[in-house]
């Protein structure tokens, strides 16, 4: 039983590390995106660009987890509109 608790603790530490690395990568990505924008960029432009990048990143993560919708199901959903 003690071994299970140790393994669970290690898993939590790995997950926490992944979250920290992910946040650092996210922060660096935001800095890179903003630095490439023109000096005349409005705050709305910056926010929109970061919003789109976030949505694309989350979409990729969903695909990696297998959270996808088949083309057939998507067509059915569109037809119901």
C-alpha atoms as a PDB file:
ATOM      1  CA  UNK A   1       0.000   0.000   0.000  1.00  0.00           C
ATOM      2  CA  UNK A   2       2.857   2.385   0.790  1.00  0.00           C
ATOM      3  CA  UNK A   3       4.327   1.858  -2.683  1.00  0.00           C
ATOM      4  CA  UNK A   4       1.051   2.917  -4.262  1.00  0.00           C
ATOM      5  CA  UNK A   5       1.084   6.149  -2.259  1.00  0.00           C
ATOM      6  CA  UNK A   6       4.675   6.838  -3.331  1.00  0.00           C
ATOM      7  CA  UNK A   7       3.804   6.270  -6.985  1.00  0.00           C
ATOM      8  CA  UNK A   8       0.731   8.480  -6.691  1.00  0.00           C
ATOM      9  CA  UNK A   9       2.879  11.194  -5.131  1.00  0.00           C
ATOM     10  CA  UNK A  10       5.377  10.942  -7.958  1.00  0.00           C
ATOM     11  CA  UNK A  11       2.595  11.176 -10.530  1.00  0.00           C
ATOM     12  CA  UNK A  12       1.318  14.350  -8.850  1.00  0.00           C
ATOM     13  CA  UNK A  13       4.824  15.846  -8.917  1.00  0.00           C
ATOM     14  CA  UNK A  14       5.204  15.062 -12.627  1.00  0.00           C
ATOM     15  CA  UNK A  15       1.809  16.608 -13.367  1.00  0.00           C
ATOM     16  CA  UNK A  16       2.715  19.732 -11.397  1.00  0.00           C
ATOM     17  CA  UNK A  17       6.011  19.988 -13.275  1.00  0.00           C
ATOM     18  CA  UNK A  18       4.199  19.674 -16.615  1.00  0.00           C
ATOM     19  CA  UNK A  19       1.822  22.473 -15.612  1.00  0.00           C
ATOM     20  CA  UNK A  20       4.719  24.750 -14.641  1.00  0.00           C
ATOM     21  CA  UNK A  21       6.618  24.033 -17.871  1.00  0.00           C
ATOM     22  CA  UNK A  22       3.422  24.527 -19.850  1.00  0.00           C
ATOM     23  CA  UNK A  23       2.774  27.892 -18.208  1.00  0.00           C
ATOM     24  CA  UNK A  24       6.382  28.989 -18.848  1.00  0.00           C
ATOM     25  CA  UNK A  25       6.063  27.926 -22.476  1.00  0.00           C
ATOM     26  CA  UNK A  26       2.732  29.723 -22.730  1.00  0.00           C
ATOM     27  CA  UNK A  27       4.187  32.901 -21.256  1.00  0.00           C
ATOM     28  CA  UNK A  28       7.172  32.772 -23.597  1.00  0.00           C
ATOM     29  CA  UNK A  29       4.888  32.136 -26.560  1.00  0.00           C
ATOM     30  CA  UNK A  30       2.789  35.192 -25.640  1.00  0.00           C
ATOM     31  CA  UNK A  31       5.912  37.325 -25.322  1.00  0.00           C
ATOM     32  CA  UNK A  32       7.156  36.126 -28.722  1.00  0.00           C
ATOM     33  CA  UNK A  33       3.815  36.816 -30.402  1.00  0.00           C
ATOM     34  CA  UNK A  34       3.522  40.309 -28.944  1.00  0.00           C
ATOM     35  CA  UNK A  35       7.127  41.189 -29.786  1.00  0.00           C
ATOM     36  CA  UNK A  36       6.516  40.303 -33.464  1.00  0.00           C
ATOM     37  CA  UNK A  37       3.504  42.601 -33.721  1.00  0.00           C
ATOM     38  CA  UNK A  38       3.928  46.154 -35.015  1.00  0.00           C
ATOM     39  CA  UNK A  39       4.509  48.904 -32.468  1.00  0.00           C
ATOM     40  CA  UNK A  40       1.191  50.400 -33.546  1.00  0.00           C
ATOM     41  CA  UNK A  41      -0.769  47.292 -32.496  1.00  0.00           C
ATOM     42  CA  UNK A  42      -3.840  48.077 -30.436  1.00  0.00           C
ATOM     43  CA  UNK A  43      -4.643  46.169 -27.254  1.00  0.00           C
ATOM     44  CA  UNK A  44      -7.617  44.566 -29.034  1.00  0.00           C
ATOM     45  CA  UNK A  45      -5.281  43.254 -31.745  1.00  0.00           C
ATOM     46  CA  UNK A  46      -2.941  41.778 -29.142  1.00  0.00           C
ATOM     47  CA  UNK A  47      -5.786  40.204 -27.177  1.00  0.00           C
ATOM     48  CA  UNK A  48      -7.343  38.714 -30.314  1.00  0.00           C
ATOM     49  CA  UNK A  49      -4.032  37.241 -31.483  1.00  0.00           C
ATOM     50  CA  UNK A  50      -3.451  35.642 -28.057  1.00  0.00           C
ATOM     51  CA  UNK A  51      -7.050  34.385 -28.000  1.00  0.00           C
ATOM     52  CA  UNK A  52      -6.661  32.657 -31.379  1.00  0.00           C
ATOM     53  CA  UNK A  53      -3.337  31.086 -30.382  1.00  0.00           C
ATOM     54  CA  UNK A  54      -4.907  29.812 -27.149  1.00  0.00           C
ATOM     55  CA  UNK A  55      -7.850  28.260 -29.012  1.00  0.00           C
ATOM     56  CA  UNK A  56      -5.532  26.537 -31.495  1.00  0.00           C
ATOM     57  CA  UNK A  57      -3.354  25.212 -28.642  1.00  0.00           C
ATOM     58  CA  UNK A  58      -6.393  23.884 -26.775  1.00  0.00           C
ATOM     59  CA  UNK A  59      -7.698  22.287 -29.970  1.00  0.00           C
ATOM     60  CA  UNK A  60      -4.417  20.488 -30.521  1.00  0.00           C
ATOM     61  CA  UNK A  61      -4.440  19.252 -26.929  1.00  0.00           C
ATOM     62  CA  UNK A  62      -7.979  17.929 -27.404  1.00  0.00           C
ATOM     63  CA  UNK A  63      -6.914  16.045 -30.515  1.00  0.00           C
ATOM     64  CA  UNK A  64      -3.970  14.519 -28.649  1.00  0.00           C
ATOM     65  CA  UNK A  65      -6.380  13.297 -25.965  1.00  0.00           C
ATOM     66  CA  UNK A  66      -8.590  11.793 -28.660  1.00  0.00           C
ATOM     67  CA  UNK A  67     -11.420  14.246 -28.062  1.00  0.00           C
ATOM     68  CA  UNK A  68     -12.547  14.564 -31.665  1.00  0.00           C
ATOM     69  CA  UNK A  69     -15.819  14.570 -33.586  1.00  0.00           C
ATOM     70  CA  UNK A  70     -16.147  12.439 -36.704  1.00  0.00           C
ATOM     71  CA  UNK A  71     -16.921  14.139 -39.996  1.00  0.00           C
ATOM     72  CA  UNK A  72     -20.230  12.285 -40.129  1.00  0.00           C
ATOM     73  CA  UNK A  73     -21.271  13.512 -36.678  1.00  0.00           C
ATOM     74  CA  UNK A  74     -20.214  17.046 -37.574  1.00  0.00           C
ATOM     75  CA  UNK A  75     -22.325  16.976 -40.749  1.00  0.00           C
ATOM     76  CA  UNK A  76     -25.342  15.772 -38.736  1.00  0.00           C
ATOM     77  CA  UNK A  77     -24.853  18.565 -36.236  1.00  0.00           C
ATOM     78  CA  UNK A  78     -24.593  21.186 -38.982  1.00  0.00           C
ATOM     79  CA  UNK A  79     -27.733  19.856 -40.655  1.00  0.00           C
ATOM     80  CA  UNK A  80     -29.627  20.267 -37.378  1.00  0.00           C
ATOM     81  CA  UNK A  81     -28.976  24.007 -37.433  1.00  0.00           C
END
